[in-house]
Amino acid sequence: MSALEVDQSGEIGHVHHSKRQVLLDFMNHLKSNGYLKFSYPMPNQERGEGWMMFLYEPLSDELIKNFEA
């Protein structure tokens, strides 16, 4: 998994990536754009590999596209 994977199909969204640092960078990107409703990255227990974080409010497509890992 090399690309940031954002899934907002459910009530609580989630973001996945194989590297924790990418999610930390994404978290900082969200903070710098005034978005503060997310969890800290954690190991992805469901998939057994990689990292994930929760999103507690929807993100705009533009905010996601503007992130450069």
N, C-alpha and C. Protein backbone atom coordinates (compact mmCIF):
# COMPACT_ATOMS: atom_id res chain seq x y z
N MET A 1 0.86 -1.17 0.00
CA MET A 1 0.00 0.00 0.00
C MET A 1 0.90 1.23 0.00
N SER A 2 0.94 1.94 -1.10
CA SER A 2 1.79 3.11 -1.15
C SER A 2 1.00 4.41 -1.14
N ALA A 3 -0.23 4.37 -1.62
CA ALA A 3 -1.05 5.58 -1.64
C ALA A 3 -1.87 5.67 -0.36
N LEU A 4 -2.14 6.89 0.04
CA LEU A 4 -3.01 7.12 1.18
C LEU A 4 -4.41 6.65 0.81
N GLU A 5 -5.01 5.84 1.65
CA GLU A 5 -6.34 5.30 1.39
C GLU A 5 -7.33 5.93 2.36
N VAL A 6 -8.25 6.73 1.84
CA VAL A 6 -9.25 7.42 2.67
C VAL A 6 -10.62 6.83 2.36
N ASP A 7 -11.29 6.33 3.38
CA ASP A 7 -12.63 5.75 3.22
C ASP A 7 -13.59 6.53 4.11
N GLN A 8 -14.51 7.24 3.49
CA GLN A 8 -15.50 8.02 4.23
C GLN A 8 -16.91 7.49 3.98
N SER A 9 -17.01 6.21 3.68
CA SER A 9 -18.30 5.63 3.33
C SER A 9 -19.20 5.37 4.54
N GLY A 10 -18.62 5.26 5.72
CA GLY A 10 -19.41 4.99 6.92
C GLY A 10 -19.62 6.23 7.76
N GLU A 11 -20.22 6.03 8.92
CA GLU A 11 -20.46 7.15 9.84
C GLU A 11 -19.14 7.75 10.32
N ILE A 12 -18.16 6.89 10.56
CA ILE A 12 -16.82 7.33 10.95
C ILE A 12 -15.87 6.93 9.84
N GLY A 13 -15.16 7.90 9.29
CA GLY A 13 -14.22 7.62 8.22
C GLY A 13 -12.93 7.04 8.76
N HIS A 14 -12.12 6.51 7.87
CA HIS A 14 -10.82 6.01 8.29
C HIS A 14 -9.82 6.17 7.15
N VAL A 15 -8.56 6.28 7.55
CA VAL A 15 -7.45 6.48 6.62
C VAL A 15 -6.44 5.37 6.88
N HIS A 16 -5.90 4.80 5.81
CA HIS A 16 -4.93 3.71 5.92
C HIS A 16 -3.67 4.03 5.13
N HIS A 17 -2.55 3.57 5.65
CA HIS A 17 -1.28 3.63 4.92
C HIS A 17 -0.33 2.64 5.56
N SER A 18 0.64 2.18 4.79
CA SER A 18 1.59 1.20 5.31
C SER A 18 2.60 1.83 6.27
N LYS A 19 2.82 3.15 6.16
CA LYS A 19 3.82 3.81 7.01
C LYS A 19 3.16 4.78 7.99
N ARG A 20 3.53 4.65 9.24
CA ARG A 20 2.99 5.52 10.29
C ARG A 20 3.32 6.98 10.02
N GLN A 21 4.53 7.25 9.55
CA GLN A 21 4.96 8.63 9.33
C GLN A 21 4.07 9.35 8.32
N VAL A 22 3.59 8.63 7.32
CA VAL A 22 2.69 9.25 6.33
C VAL A 22 1.41 9.70 7.02
N LEU A 23 0.88 8.89 7.92
CA LEU A 23 -0.33 9.29 8.64
C LEU A 23 -0.05 10.44 9.60
N LEU A 24 1.12 10.46 10.21
CA LEU A 24 1.48 11.60 11.06
C LEU A 24 1.57 12.88 10.23
N ASP A 25 2.13 12.78 9.04
CA ASP A 25 2.21 13.94 8.14
C ASP A 25 0.81 14.37 7.69
N PHE A 26 -0.05 13.39 7.43
CA PHE A 26 -1.44 13.70 7.04
C PHE A 26 -2.16 14.38 8.20
N MET A 27 -1.94 13.89 9.41
CA MET A 27 -2.53 14.49 10.60
C MET A 27 -2.10 15.96 10.72
N ASN A 28 -0.83 16.24 10.49
CA ASN A 28 -0.34 17.62 10.55
C ASN A 28 -0.95 18.47 9.44
N HIS A 29 -1.14 17.88 8.28
CA HIS A 29 -1.81 18.56 7.16
C HIS A 29 -3.24 18.94 7.56
N LEU A 30 -3.93 18.00 8.19
CA LEU A 30 -5.30 18.27 8.63
C LEU A 30 -5.32 19.40 9.66
N LYS A 31 -4.42 19.32 10.64
CA LYS A 31 -4.35 20.36 11.68
C LYS A 31 -4.09 21.73 11.08
N SER A 32 -3.16 21.80 10.14
CA SER A 32 -2.80 23.09 9.55
C SER A 32 -3.93 23.67 8.71
N ASN A 33 -4.91 22.83 8.37
CA ASN A 33 -6.07 23.29 7.61
C ASN A 33 -7.33 23.38 8.48
N GLY A 34 -7.13 23.38 9.80
CA GLY A 34 -8.24 23.60 10.72
C GLY A 34 -9.12 22.39 10.99
N TYR A 35 -8.71 21.21 10.56
CA TYR A 35 -9.49 20.00 10.80
C TYR A 35 -8.88 19.30 12.01
N LEU A 36 -9.65 19.16 13.08
CA LEU A 36 -9.10 18.64 14.32
C LEU A 36 -9.80 17.38 14.84
N LYS A 37 -10.74 16.85 14.10
CA LYS A 37 -11.52 15.72 14.61
C LYS A 37 -11.07 14.41 13.98
N PHE A 38 -9.98 13.86 14.55
CA PHE A 38 -9.41 12.60 14.07
C PHE A 38 -8.71 11.91 15.23
N SER A 39 -8.44 10.65 15.05
CA SER A 39 -7.67 9.91 16.06
C SER A 39 -6.19 9.95 15.68
N TYR A 40 -5.36 9.58 16.60
CA TYR A 40 -3.94 9.42 16.29
C TYR A 40 -3.75 8.10 15.55
N PRO A 41 -2.75 8.02 14.69
CA PRO A 41 -2.49 6.76 13.97
C PRO A 41 -2.23 5.60 14.93
N MET A 42 -2.73 4.44 14.54
CA MET A 42 -2.56 3.24 15.35
C MET A 42 -2.34 2.05 14.41
N PRO A 43 -1.73 0.98 14.92
CA PRO A 43 -1.55 -0.20 14.08
C PRO A 43 -2.91 -0.71 13.59
N ASN A 44 -2.95 -1.15 12.36
CA ASN A 44 -4.19 -1.64 11.78
C ASN A 44 -4.40 -3.10 12.20
N GLN A 45 -5.19 -3.29 13.24
CA GLN A 45 -5.44 -4.63 13.78
C GLN A 45 -6.27 -5.48 12.82
N GLU A 46 -7.20 -4.86 12.13
CA GLU A 46 -8.10 -5.60 11.25
C GLU A 46 -7.35 -6.22 10.06
N ARG A 47 -6.47 -5.45 9.47
CA ARG A 47 -5.72 -5.94 8.31
C ARG A 47 -4.46 -6.70 8.70
N GLY A 48 -4.01 -6.47 9.92
CA GLY A 48 -2.82 -7.17 10.38
C GLY A 48 -1.51 -6.55 9.91
N GLU A 49 -1.59 -5.45 9.19
CA GLU A 49 -0.39 -4.75 8.74
C GLU A 49 -0.75 -3.30 8.46
N GLY A 50 0.25 -2.46 8.48
CA GLY A 50 0.03 -1.05 8.19
C GLY A 50 -0.54 -0.28 9.37
N TRP A 51 -0.97 0.93 9.07
CA TRP A 51 -1.46 1.86 10.08
C TRP A 51 -2.78 2.45 9.64
N MET A 52 -3.54 2.95 10.62
CA MET A 52 -4.83 3.57 10.31
C MET A 52 -5.15 4.65 11.33
N MET A 53 -6.08 5.51 10.96
CA MET A 53 -6.60 6.52 11.88
C MET A 53 -8.06 6.78 11.52
N PHE A 54 -8.82 7.24 12.50
CA PHE A 54 -10.24 7.53 12.29
C PHE A 54 -10.45 9.01 12.00
N LEU A 55 -11.49 9.29 11.22
CA LEU A 55 -11.92 10.66 10.92
C LEU A 55 -13.33 10.81 11.49
N TYR A 56 -13.53 11.82 12.32
CA TYR A 56 -14.82 11.99 12.99
C TYR A 56 -15.71 13.03 12.33
N GLU A 57 -15.25 13.65 11.27
CA GLU A 57 -16.04 14.53 10.41
C GLU A 57 -15.56 14.32 8.99
N PRO A 58 -16.45 14.48 8.01
CA PRO A 58 -16.03 14.29 6.62
C PRO A 58 -14.96 15.31 6.19
N LEU A 59 -14.06 14.84 5.35
CA LEU A 59 -13.05 15.70 4.75
C LEU A 59 -13.48 16.07 3.34
N SER A 60 -13.10 17.24 2.90
CA SER A 60 -13.37 17.60 1.51
C SER A 60 -12.38 16.86 0.61
N ASP A 61 -12.81 16.59 -0.60
CA ASP A 61 -11.92 15.94 -1.58
C ASP A 61 -10.70 16.81 -1.83
N GLU A 62 -10.89 18.12 -1.82
CA GLU A 62 -9.78 19.04 -2.06
C GLU A 62 -8.72 18.93 -0.97
N LEU A 63 -9.14 18.82 0.27
CA LEU A 63 -8.20 18.69 1.38
C LEU A 63 -7.38 17.41 1.24
N ILE A 64 -8.02 16.34 0.83
CA ILE A 64 -7.31 15.08 0.63
C ILE A 64 -6.34 15.19 -0.54
N LYS A 65 -6.80 15.76 -1.64
CA LYS A 65 -5.95 15.89 -2.84
C LYS A 65 -4.75 16.80 -2.61
N ASN A 66 -4.90 17.79 -1.73
CA ASN A 66 -3.81 18.73 -1.47
C ASN A 66 -2.70 18.15 -0.61
N PHE A 67 -2.92 16.97 -0.05
CA PHE A 67 -1.89 16.33 0.77
C PHE A 67 -0.88 15.65 -0.14
N GLU A 68 0.38 15.95 0.11
CA GLU A 68 1.46 15.31 -0.64
C GLU A 68 2.34 14.55 0.33
N ALA A 69 2.31 13.24 0.23
CA ALA A 69 3.10 12.39 1.14
C ALA A 69 4.55 12.37 0.72
